[in-house]
C-alpha atoms as a PDB file:
ATOM      1  CA  GLU A   1      59.668  40.523  46.934  1.00  0.00           C
ATOM      2  CA  VAL A   2      62.911  39.491  45.187  1.00  0.00           C
ATOM      3  CA  PHE A   3      64.252  36.960  47.675  1.00  0.00           C
ATOM      4  CA  ASN A   4      61.020  35.451  49.017  1.00  0.00           C
ATOM      5  CA  LYS A   5      58.790  35.609  45.951  1.00  0.00           C
ATOM      6  CA  HIS A   6      61.733  35.216  43.540  1.00  0.00           C
ATOM      7  CA  ASN A   7      60.519  38.157  41.471  1.00  0.00           C
ATOM      8  CA  ILE A   8      63.639  39.275  39.608  1.00  0.00           C
ATOM      9  CA  ASP A   9      61.555  41.472  37.288  1.00  0.00           C
ATOM     10  CA  ILE A  10      61.417  44.222  39.920  1.00  0.00           C
ATOM     11  CA  ILE A  11      65.216  44.383  40.347  1.00  0.00           C
ATOM     12  CA  PRO A  12      65.616  47.298  37.866  1.00  0.00           C
ATOM     13  CA  LYS A  13      63.416  49.395  40.172  1.00  0.00           C
ATOM     14  CA  TYR A  14      65.935  49.007  43.011  1.00  0.00           C
ATOM     15  CA  VAL A  15      69.355  48.265  41.458  1.00  0.00           C
ATOM     16  CA  SER A  16      71.395  50.628  39.292  1.00  0.00           C
ATOM     17  CA  GLU A  17      72.458  49.428  35.847  1.00  0.00           C
ATOM     18  CA  ASP A  18      76.125  50.072  36.718  1.00  0.00           C
ATOM     19  CA  TYR A  19      75.830  48.207  40.057  1.00  0.00           C
ATOM     20  CA  LYS A  20      79.245  47.366  41.559  1.00  0.00           C
ATOM     21  CA  GLN A  21      79.525  43.956  43.264  1.00  0.00           C
ATOM     22  CA  HIS A  22      82.169  42.982  45.852  1.00  0.00           C
ATOM     23  CA  ASN A  23      81.015  39.364  46.238  1.00  0.00           C
ATOM     24  CA  PRO A  24      83.667  37.375  44.303  1.00  0.00           C
ATOM     25  CA  PHE A  25      81.063  34.987  42.858  1.00  0.00           C
ATOM     26  CA  VAL A  26      78.852  37.604  41.178  1.00  0.00           C
ATOM     27  CA  ALA A  27      79.914  39.891  38.327  1.00  0.00           C
ATOM     28  CA  ASP A  28      79.357  43.655  38.259  1.00  0.00           C
ATOM     29  CA  GLY A  29      76.228  45.127  36.705  1.00  0.00           C
ATOM     30  CA  ARG A  30      72.483  44.797  37.214  1.00  0.00           C
ATOM     31  CA  LYS A  31      72.139  42.165  34.471  1.00  0.00           C
ATOM     32  CA  ALA A  32      74.773  39.938  36.121  1.00  0.00           C
ATOM     33  CA  PHE A  33      72.967  40.323  39.466  1.00  0.00           C
ATOM     34  CA  MET A  34      69.662  39.333  37.861  1.00  0.00           C
ATOM     35  CA  ASP A  35      71.216  36.391  35.990  1.00  0.00           C
ATOM     36  CA  PHE A  36      72.886  35.099  39.169  1.00  0.00           C
ATOM     37  CA  PHE A  37      69.648  35.059  41.160  1.00  0.00           C
ATOM     38  CA  LYS A  38      67.554  33.768  38.288  1.00  0.00           C
ATOM     39  CA  GLU A  39      69.807  30.679  38.218  1.00  0.00           C
ATOM     40  CA  ASP A  40      69.923  30.456  42.026  1.00  0.00           C
ATOM     41  CA  PHE A  41      66.114  30.524  42.305  1.00  0.00           C
ATOM     42  CA  VAL A  42      65.846  27.686  39.760  1.00  0.00           C
ATOM     43  CA  LYS A  43      68.295  25.611  41.849  1.00  0.00           C
ATOM     44  CA  ASN A  44      66.616  26.589  45.132  1.00  0.00           C
ATOM     45  CA  PRO A  45      62.907  27.150  44.416  1.00  0.00           C
ATOM     46  CA  ASN A  46      61.995  27.178  48.125  1.00  0.00           C
ATOM     47  CA  SER A  47      64.717  29.562  49.267  1.00  0.00           C
ATOM     48  CA  SER A  48      63.814  32.452  51.539  1.00  0.00           C
ATOM     49  CA  ALA A  49      65.379  35.329  53.423  1.00  0.00           C
ATOM     50  CA  GLU A  50      64.316  36.889  56.714  1.00  0.00           C
ATOM     51  CA  ILE A  51      65.681  40.322  57.562  1.00  0.00           C
ATOM     52  CA  LYS A  52      66.567  40.432  61.255  1.00  0.00           C
ATOM     53  CA  ARG A  53      68.145  43.901  61.507  1.00  0.00           C
ATOM     54  CA  VAL A  54      68.512  47.029  59.398  1.00  0.00           C
ATOM     55  CA  VAL A  55      71.084  49.752  60.039  1.00  0.00           C
ATOM     56  CA  ALA A  56      71.272  52.898  57.921  1.00  0.00           C
ATOM     57  CA  GLU A  57      73.683  55.825  57.924  1.00  0.00           C
ATOM     58  CA  GLY A  58      74.018  58.359  55.136  1.00  0.00           C
ATOM     59  CA  ASP A  59      74.113  56.537  51.797  1.00  0.00           C
ATOM     60  CA  THR A  60      74.808  53.137  53.388  1.00  0.00           C
ATOM     61  CA  VAL A  61      72.337  50.464  54.521  1.00  0.00           C
ATOM     62  CA  ALA A  62      73.306  47.197  56.254  1.00  0.00           C
ATOM     63  CA  LEU A  63      71.058  44.158  56.665  1.00  0.00           C
ATOM     64  CA  HIS A  64      71.473  41.177  59.001  1.00  0.00           C
ATOM     65  CA  VAL A  65      69.691  38.334  57.210  1.00  0.00           C
ATOM     66  CA  HIS A  66      68.803  34.686  57.857  1.00  0.00           C
ATOM     67  CA  SER A  67      68.796  32.997  54.449  1.00  0.00           C
ATOM     68  CA  ARG A  68      67.666  29.418  53.803  1.00  0.00           C
ATOM     69  CA  THR A  69      67.524  27.197  50.725  1.00  0.00           C
ATOM     70  CA  ASN A  70      64.404  25.448  52.125  1.00  0.00           C
ATOM     71  CA  SER A  71      62.389  25.219  55.362  1.00  0.00           C
ATOM     72  CA  GLN A  72      64.505  22.332  56.740  1.00  0.00           C
ATOM     73  CA  ASP A  73      67.807  24.129  56.074  1.00  0.00           C
ATOM     74  CA  LYS A  74      69.521  25.746  59.104  1.00  0.00           C
ATOM     75  CA  GLY A  75      70.605  28.396  56.652  1.00  0.00           C
ATOM     76  CA  VAL A  76      73.288  31.026  56.741  1.00  0.00           C
ATOM     77  CA  ALA A  77      73.727  34.351  58.488  1.00  0.00           C
ATOM     78  CA  ILE A  78      74.419  37.155  56.046  1.00  0.00           C
ATOM     79  CA  VAL A  79      75.430  40.753  56.535  1.00  0.00           C
ATOM     80  CA  ASP A  80      74.724  42.730  53.370  1.00  0.00           C
ATOM     81  CA  ILE A  81      76.033  46.274  53.012  1.00  0.00           C
ATOM     82  CA  PHE A  82      74.585  48.474  50.281  1.00  0.00           C
ATOM     83  CA  ARG A  83      75.547  51.918  49.006  1.00  0.00           C
ATOM     84  CA  ILE A  84      72.541  53.850  47.723  1.00  0.00           C
ATOM     85  CA  LYS A  85      72.553  56.664  45.149  1.00  0.00           C
ATOM     86  CA  ASP A  86      69.457  58.359  43.718  1.00  0.00           C
ATOM     87  CA  GLY A  87      67.235  55.755  45.409  1.00  0.00           C
ATOM     88  CA  LYS A  88      68.961  52.723  43.878  1.00  0.00           C
ATOM     89  CA  ILE A  89      71.576  50.232  45.036  1.00  0.00           C
ATOM     90  CA  VAL A  90      74.876  51.095  43.349  1.00  0.00           C
ATOM     91  CA  GLU A  91      77.308  48.956  45.348  1.00  0.00           C
ATOM     92  CA  HIS A  92      77.167  45.807  47.501  1.00  0.00           C
ATOM     93  CA  TRP A  93      79.366  43.922  49.953  1.00  0.00           C
ATOM     94  CA  ASP A  94      78.443  40.796  51.910  1.00  0.00           C
ATOM     95  CA  VAL A  95      79.733  38.395  54.518  1.00  0.00           C
ATOM     96  CA  ILE A  96      78.142  34.936  54.719  1.00  0.00           C
ATOM     97  CA  GLN A  97      78.504  32.547  57.668  1.00  0.00           C
ATOM     98  CA  GLU A  98      77.053  29.045  57.913  1.00  0.00           C
ATOM     99  CA  ILE A  99      74.960  28.248  60.962  1.00  0.00           C
ATOM    100  CA  PRO A 100      76.770  25.396  62.732  1.00  0.00           C
ATOM    101  CA  SER A 101      75.141  22.260  64.126  1.00  0.00           C
ATOM    102  CA  GLU A 102      77.098  22.508  67.365  1.00  0.00           C
ATOM    103  CA  VAL A 103      77.524  25.763  69.270  1.00  0.00           C
ATOM    104  CA  ALA A 104      79.512  26.836  72.335  1.00  0.00           C
ATOM    105  CA  ASN A 105      76.677  28.915  73.871  1.00  0.00           C
ATOM    106  CA  ASP A 106      72.889  29.233  73.989  1.00  0.00           C
ATOM    107  CA  ASN A 107      72.812  32.443  71.958  1.00  0.00           C
ATOM    108  CA  THR A 108      71.562  32.349  68.409  1.00  0.00           C
ATOM    109  CA  MET A 109      73.287  34.055  65.506  1.00  0.00           C
ATOM    110  CA  PHE A 110      70.276  36.343  65.246  1.00  0.00           C
END
């Protein structure tokens, strides 16, 4: 809903107000998270994300995601790690890797 339909209005339903961010390009707090993606969706109106894997243990959920700025973009592979408390995301880490044009094997990143 948020990343494919660009509906930032539903973020308060899922993200805590005191959300802690470990990505160095996004400030802490739900408002900063919303502001970051509001601007990103304006710059990339055709961006999308496809969740490839979900792993959950205790209060932690990890996603393996293929994110693209448009349908022609090779995109990036992302691993997002979330800490959940009282049904909302309270903390986030991520690792982002570009999908290269040339690869050393026939395996995909997904």
